[in-house]
Amino acid sequence: MEYVPAKTIVTKAKDTSWFGIDYNMNIYRGCCHGCIYCDSRSDCYQIDNFDTVRAKEDALRIIRDDLRRKVKLGVVGTGSMSDPYNPFEGEMQLTRHALELIDAFGFGVAIATKSTLMMRDMDILESIKEHSPVLCKVTITTADDALSKKVEPHVACSSERFAMLDALGSHGIYAGILLMPVLPFLEDSEENVLAIVRRAHEAGARFIYPAFGMTLRNNQREWYFDKLNEIFPGQNLPEQYIKRYGNRYECHSPRARTLWNKFTQECAKYGILYDMKDITHSYKKNYEVTQLSMFD
């Protein structure tokens, strides 16, 4: 494991509209899940050798000091730049101990991951939810395990992630799906999207937040196209992307409007939330009532 210096780790969120997150926390740099679509590989983030995972030096002390200095409690988000549950976390337990600090200082947490290693920390998540909001966002982009292993080769397949959602819900943890990205020409079929909604319902997911398309920019674009040629030889997928999107950053699915209509209808059928404001209100509402009651 390599280490990189850091002065601060828990930083104030510039925009709290993203799931109501007040602070961001990234303990690791880089990721070895190997997802072919990861935007964090882009040049703008300046992460050299992105597939090499590095931990921030003296992370737990810095996190402790950061939390102690905060004058306002809130929700700490993790997983925005690299998965907090990479394989090294199994031994290092930096994310686990950071959650213990979040619990001790009375903060809430919002986690984004593809890894079933999060199940290890169920006890701490249950402890945090006794006093603060807990939100678990599990990325699932395809209902097909074979396809998920191609586009996300070094992480739990989709069926394992659905099983994790079921387990989280059975422990009273507020959990749902990040349906993003939905890769054009690979995952943007009605069959795939509706299958994810149905399996989410079966797993007890509370929400699905979608993006019917993906982003591509310098470095990531070239990496993605190389991987498409490697994994799907003879299908000329990069040529389809170039023809439709050129060098555009946002690559919306050609079927986005139809998918959105079908998706929202199916979510309504099962009572699954999909609007950001509704999701944020839902996972925080019991804590807002509790806090207000203190002043009655």
Protein backbone atom coordinates (compact mmCIF):
# COMPACT_ATOMS: atom_id res chain seq x y z
CA MET A 1 0.00 0.00 0.00
CA GLU A 2 1.28 3.42 -0.97
CA TYR A 3 0.47 6.50 1.08
CA VAL A 4 -0.12 10.10 0.01
CA PRO A 5 0.03 13.14 2.31
CA ALA A 6 -3.14 14.98 3.29
CA LYS A 7 -3.87 18.04 5.40
CA THR A 8 -7.61 17.52 5.65
CA ILE A 9 -10.00 14.71 4.64
CA VAL A 10 -13.51 15.65 5.82
CA THR A 11 -14.33 18.77 3.80
CA LYS A 12 -17.47 20.88 3.51
CA ALA A 13 -19.60 19.98 0.49
CA LYS A 14 -19.88 22.78 -2.06
CA ASP A 15 -23.42 21.72 -2.95
CA THR A 16 -25.66 19.94 -0.43
CA SER A 17 -28.29 19.14 -3.06
CA TRP A 18 -26.51 15.84 -3.84
CA PHE A 19 -28.40 13.52 -1.46
CA GLY A 20 -28.26 16.17 1.26
CA ILE A 21 -24.59 15.49 1.97
CA ASP A 22 -22.95 18.16 4.14
CA TYR A 23 -19.35 16.92 4.08
CA ASN A 24 -17.19 14.81 1.77
CA MET A 25 -14.65 12.23 2.89
CA ASN A 26 -12.29 10.31 0.60
CA ILE A 27 -9.76 8.18 2.46
CA TYR A 28 -8.31 6.48 -0.60
CA ARG A 29 -7.05 7.72 -3.97
CA GLY A 30 -7.42 5.54 -7.04
CA CYS A 31 -9.42 2.34 -7.38
CA CYS A 32 -8.76 -1.21 -8.53
CA HIS A 33 -12.34 -2.27 -9.33
CA GLY A 34 -11.45 -1.81 -13.00
CA CYS A 35 -14.81 -0.34 -14.07
CA ILE A 36 -14.34 0.65 -17.71
CA TYR A 37 -16.54 3.75 -17.42
CA CYS A 38 -15.15 5.45 -14.29
CA ASP A 39 -15.05 9.23 -14.70
CA SER A 40 -12.53 9.56 -11.85
CA ARG A 41 -9.91 8.37 -14.33
CA SER A 42 -10.28 11.67 -16.25
CA ASP A 43 -7.30 14.03 -16.53
CA CYS A 44 -9.02 16.80 -14.59
CA TYR A 45 -8.71 14.85 -11.31
CA GLN A 46 -4.94 14.46 -11.72
CA ILE A 47 -4.77 10.94 -10.26
CA ASP A 48 -1.71 9.22 -11.68
CA ASN A 49 -1.88 5.44 -12.14
CA PHE A 50 -5.55 5.44 -11.18
CA ASP A 51 -5.69 1.62 -10.83
CA THR A 52 -3.18 1.78 -7.97
CA VAL A 53 -4.94 2.33 -4.65
CA ARG A 54 -3.25 4.73 -2.24
CA ALA A 55 -4.32 5.59 1.28
CA LYS A 56 -4.06 9.04 2.79
CA GLU A 57 -1.32 9.18 5.37
CA ASP A 58 -2.39 9.36 9.03
CA ALA A 59 -6.00 9.34 7.80
CA LEU A 60 -7.76 8.44 11.04
CA ARG A 61 -6.07 11.15 13.08
CA ILE A 62 -6.90 13.73 10.42
CA ILE A 63 -10.53 12.56 10.24
CA ARG A 64 -10.82 12.72 14.04
CA ASP A 65 -9.47 16.25 14.11
CA ASP A 66 -11.62 17.33 11.15
CA LEU A 67 -14.80 16.05 12.80
CA ARG A 68 -13.92 17.55 16.17
CA ARG A 69 -13.50 20.99 14.58
CA LYS A 70 -16.87 20.99 12.81
CA VAL A 71 -19.28 23.45 14.41
CA LYS A 72 -22.30 21.83 12.74
CA LEU A 73 -23.31 18.19 12.63
CA GLY A 74 -24.39 16.73 9.31
CA VAL A 75 -24.09 13.85 6.87
CA VAL A 76 -20.60 12.78 5.78
CA GLY A 77 -20.54 11.36 2.26
CA THR A 78 -17.91 8.91 1.07
CA GLY A 79 -17.31 7.16 -2.25
CA SER A 80 -17.44 10.12 -4.62
CA MET A 81 -13.92 9.73 -6.05
CA SER A 82 -12.92 6.18 -5.14
CA ASP A 83 -14.77 3.28 -3.58
CA PRO A 84 -14.27 3.27 0.22
CA TYR A 85 -14.50 -0.53 0.12
CA ASN A 86 -11.63 -1.43 -2.19
CA PRO A 87 -9.99 -4.86 -1.53
CA PHE A 88 -7.28 -3.31 0.69
CA GLU A 89 -9.97 -2.05 3.07
CA GLY A 90 -10.57 -5.65 4.13
CA GLU A 91 -7.27 -5.64 6.01
CA MET A 92 -6.64 -1.93 6.61
CA GLN A 93 -10.14 -1.11 7.95
CA LEU A 94 -9.66 2.61 7.47
CA THR A 95 -13.27 3.06 6.33
CA ARG A 96 -14.52 1.00 9.26
CA HIS A 97 -12.58 3.05 11.80
CA ALA A 98 -13.66 6.28 10.09
CA LEU A 99 -17.28 5.16 10.52
CA GLU A 100 -16.58 4.57 14.20
CA LEU A 101 -15.35 8.17 14.46
CA ILE A 102 -18.41 9.44 12.58
CA ASP A 103 -20.56 7.53 15.07
CA ALA A 104 -18.64 8.80 18.09
CA PHE A 105 -18.92 12.44 17.02
CA GLY A 106 -22.64 12.19 16.23
CA PHE A 107 -22.57 12.61 12.44
CA GLY A 108 -24.60 10.79 9.81
CA VAL A 109 -23.17 9.01 6.78
CA ALA A 110 -23.92 8.44 3.10
CA ILE A 111 -21.89 5.71 1.41
CA ALA A 112 -21.57 4.95 -2.31
CA THR A 113 -20.06 1.58 -3.19
CA LYS A 114 -20.15 -1.45 -5.46
CA SER A 115 -18.52 -3.71 -2.88
CA THR A 116 -20.27 -6.19 -0.61
CA LEU A 117 -17.51 -5.53 1.94
CA MET A 118 -19.82 -2.82 3.29
CA MET A 119 -21.79 -5.66 4.94
CA ARG A 120 -18.90 -6.10 7.38
CA ASP A 121 -19.71 -2.71 8.92
CA MET A 122 -23.42 -3.31 9.45
CA ASP A 123 -22.96 -3.03 13.22
CA ILE A 124 -21.56 0.49 12.98
CA LEU A 125 -24.19 1.58 10.45
CA GLU A 126 -26.88 0.38 12.84
CA SER A 127 -25.24 2.33 15.65
CA ILE A 128 -25.06 5.54 13.57
CA LYS A 129 -28.72 5.31 12.53
CA GLU A 130 -29.74 5.41 16.19
CA HIS A 131 -28.82 9.10 16.25
CA SER A 132 -28.23 10.28 12.64
CA PRO A 133 -29.24 9.56 9.04
CA VAL A 134 -27.62 6.65 7.22
CA LEU A 135 -27.85 6.31 3.43
CA CYS A 136 -26.31 3.42 1.49
CA LYS A 137 -26.11 3.90 -2.29
CA VAL A 138 -25.22 0.74 -4.21
CA THR A 139 -24.20 1.23 -7.83
CA ILE A 140 -25.90 -1.23 -10.19
CA THR A 141 -25.87 -0.54 -13.93
CA THR A 142 -27.02 -3.87 -15.35
CA ALA A 143 -29.20 -6.75 -14.20
CA ASP A 144 -27.01 -9.16 -16.18
CA ASP A 145 -24.18 -10.66 -14.12
CA ALA A 146 -22.20 -11.61 -17.22
CA LEU A 147 -22.25 -8.03 -18.49
CA SER A 148 -21.48 -6.60 -15.03
CA LYS A 149 -18.35 -8.75 -14.83
CA LYS A 150 -17.22 -7.35 -18.18
CA VAL A 151 -17.71 -3.66 -17.40
CA GLU A 152 -16.90 -3.90 -13.65
CA PRO A 153 -14.45 -6.83 -13.62
CA HIS A 154 -12.96 -6.73 -10.12
CA VAL A 155 -16.00 -6.15 -7.95
CA ALA A 156 -19.10 -8.05 -6.79
CA CYS A 157 -21.48 -8.91 -9.62
CA SER A 158 -24.95 -7.38 -9.76
CA SER A 159 -26.77 -10.28 -8.12
CA GLU A 160 -24.47 -10.03 -5.09
CA ARG A 161 -25.20 -6.32 -4.84
CA PHE A 162 -28.95 -6.95 -4.97
CA ALA A 163 -28.47 -9.47 -2.15
CA MET A 164 -26.59 -6.81 -0.16
CA LEU A 165 -29.51 -4.41 -0.61
CA ASP A 166 -31.85 -7.05 0.77
CA ALA A 167 -29.60 -7.58 3.81
CA LEU A 168 -29.25 -3.84 4.46
CA GLY A 169 -33.01 -3.38 4.36
CA SER A 170 -33.58 -6.30 6.73
CA HIS A 171 -31.38 -4.48 9.25
CA GLY A 172 -33.34 -1.25 8.88
CA ILE A 173 -30.65 0.54 6.86
CA TYR A 174 -31.97 3.02 4.28
CA ALA A 175 -30.53 1.73 0.99
CA GLY A 176 -31.08 1.99 -2.73
CA ILE A 177 -29.47 2.02 -6.15
CA LEU A 178 -27.35 4.42 -8.14
CA LEU A 179 -28.38 3.46 -11.68
CA MET A 180 -25.48 5.28 -13.27
CA PRO A 181 -23.95 5.29 -15.70
CA VAL A 182 -26.27 3.51 -18.11
CA LEU A 183 -23.87 2.83 -20.96
CA PRO A 184 -25.21 3.74 -24.43
CA PHE A 185 -25.42 0.78 -26.82
CA LEU A 186 -24.71 -1.68 -23.98
CA GLU A 187 -27.08 -1.12 -21.05
CA ASP A 188 -29.68 1.36 -22.30
CA SER A 189 -32.43 -1.13 -23.14
CA GLU A 190 -35.91 -1.15 -21.64
CA GLU A 191 -35.35 -4.78 -20.72
CA ASN A 192 -32.30 -3.96 -18.60
CA VAL A 193 -33.71 -0.88 -16.89
CA LEU A 194 -37.05 -2.49 -16.02
CA ALA A 195 -35.29 -5.63 -14.79
CA ILE A 196 -33.25 -3.51 -12.39
CA VAL A 197 -36.40 -1.83 -11.06
CA ARG A 198 -38.14 -5.18 -10.52
CA ARG A 199 -35.14 -6.71 -8.78
CA ALA A 200 -34.74 -3.57 -6.68
CA HIS A 201 -38.32 -4.02 -5.52
CA GLU A 202 -37.67 -7.67 -4.67
CA ALA A 203 -34.59 -6.63 -2.66
CA GLY A 204 -36.50 -3.94 -0.76
CA ALA A 205 -34.57 -0.99 -2.22
CA ARG A 206 -36.04 2.34 -1.11
CA PHE A 207 -34.89 4.34 -4.13
CA ILE A 208 -33.20 4.27 -7.53
CA TYR A 209 -31.43 7.37 -8.80
CA PRO A 210 -30.73 7.10 -12.54
CA ALA A 211 -28.66 8.73 -15.26
CA PHE A 212 -29.44 7.36 -18.70
CA GLY A 213 -26.06 7.88 -20.28
CA MET A 214 -22.48 8.53 -19.23
CA THR A 215 -19.70 11.11 -19.23
CA LEU A 216 -16.52 11.00 -21.30
CA ARG A 217 -13.57 13.37 -21.18
CA ASN A 218 -9.82 13.36 -21.75
CA ASN A 219 -7.98 10.18 -20.76
CA GLN A 220 -11.18 8.40 -19.67
CA ARG A 221 -12.54 8.54 -23.24
CA GLU A 222 -9.46 6.84 -24.69
CA TRP A 223 -9.40 4.24 -21.91
CA TYR A 224 -13.07 3.45 -22.39
CA PHE A 225 -12.78 3.05 -26.14
CA ASP A 226 -9.77 0.74 -25.77
CA LYS A 227 -11.70 -1.40 -23.30
CA LEU A 228 -14.75 -1.56 -25.59
CA ASN A 229 -12.57 -2.90 -28.41
CA GLU A 230 -10.93 -5.38 -26.06
CA ILE A 231 -14.09 -6.69 -24.39
CA PHE A 232 -16.52 -6.46 -27.32
CA PRO A 233 -14.36 -7.17 -30.38
CA GLY A 234 -15.91 -6.68 -33.78
CA GLN A 235 -18.87 -4.61 -32.55
CA ASN A 236 -17.32 -1.25 -33.53
CA LEU A 237 -18.68 0.39 -30.38
CA PRO A 238 -16.14 3.27 -30.28
CA GLU A 239 -17.14 4.21 -33.81
CA GLN A 240 -20.79 4.39 -32.71
CA TYR A 241 -19.84 6.70 -29.83
CA ILE A 242 -17.73 8.96 -32.04
CA LYS A 243 -20.44 9.16 -34.69
CA ARG A 244 -23.13 10.10 -32.18
CA TYR A 245 -21.24 12.14 -29.57
CA GLY A 246 -17.97 13.34 -31.06
CA ASN A 247 -15.94 14.78 -28.17
CA ARG A 248 -18.94 15.70 -26.04
CA TYR A 249 -18.65 15.37 -22.27
CA GLU A 250 -22.25 14.31 -21.67
CA CYS A 251 -23.29 11.27 -23.68
CA HIS A 252 -27.02 10.81 -23.14
CA SER A 253 -28.57 7.56 -24.30
CA PRO A 254 -30.46 7.93 -27.60
CA ARG A 255 -33.32 6.23 -25.73
CA ALA A 256 -33.14 8.46 -22.64
CA ARG A 257 -36.64 9.94 -22.93
CA THR A 258 -38.32 6.59 -23.47
CA LEU A 259 -36.29 4.97 -20.71
CA TRP A 260 -37.20 7.74 -18.28
CA ASN A 261 -40.90 7.33 -18.97
CA LYS A 262 -40.81 3.56 -18.59
CA PHE A 263 -38.56 3.79 -15.53
CA THR A 264 -40.74 6.28 -13.64
CA GLN A 265 -43.89 4.28 -14.38
CA GLU A 266 -42.30 1.10 -13.04
CA CYS A 267 -40.95 2.87 -9.94
CA ALA A 268 -44.39 4.33 -9.23
CA LYS A 269 -45.85 0.85 -9.53
CA TYR A 270 -43.58 -0.44 -6.78
CA GLY A 271 -43.40 2.69 -4.63
CA ILE A 272 -39.69 3.24 -5.29
CA LEU A 273 -38.44 6.83 -5.01
CA TYR A 274 -36.37 8.32 -7.84
CA ASP A 275 -36.40 12.10 -7.31
CA MET A 276 -33.39 13.47 -5.41
CA LYS A 277 -35.42 15.75 -3.15
CA ASP A 278 -37.80 12.95 -2.24
CA ILE A 279 -34.95 10.56 -1.45
CA THR A 280 -33.15 13.11 0.70
CA HIS A 281 -36.32 14.01 2.60
CA SER A 282 -37.19 10.35 3.11
CA TYR A 283 -33.91 9.18 4.65
CA LYS A 284 -33.58 12.27 6.85
CA LYS A 285 -37.18 12.88 7.92
CA ASN A 286 -37.25 10.94 11.20
CA TYR A 287 -34.12 12.72 12.41
CA GLU A 288 -35.47 16.16 11.53
CA VAL A 289 -38.58 15.47 13.62
CA THR A 290 -36.43 14.28 16.51
CA GLN A 291 -34.22 17.35 16.39
CA LEU A 292 -37.17 19.72 16.19
CA SER A 293 -38.89 18.04 19.12
CA MET A 294 -35.91 18.92 21.33
CA PHE A 295 -36.92 22.58 21.15
CA ASP A 296 -40.66 22.14 21.75
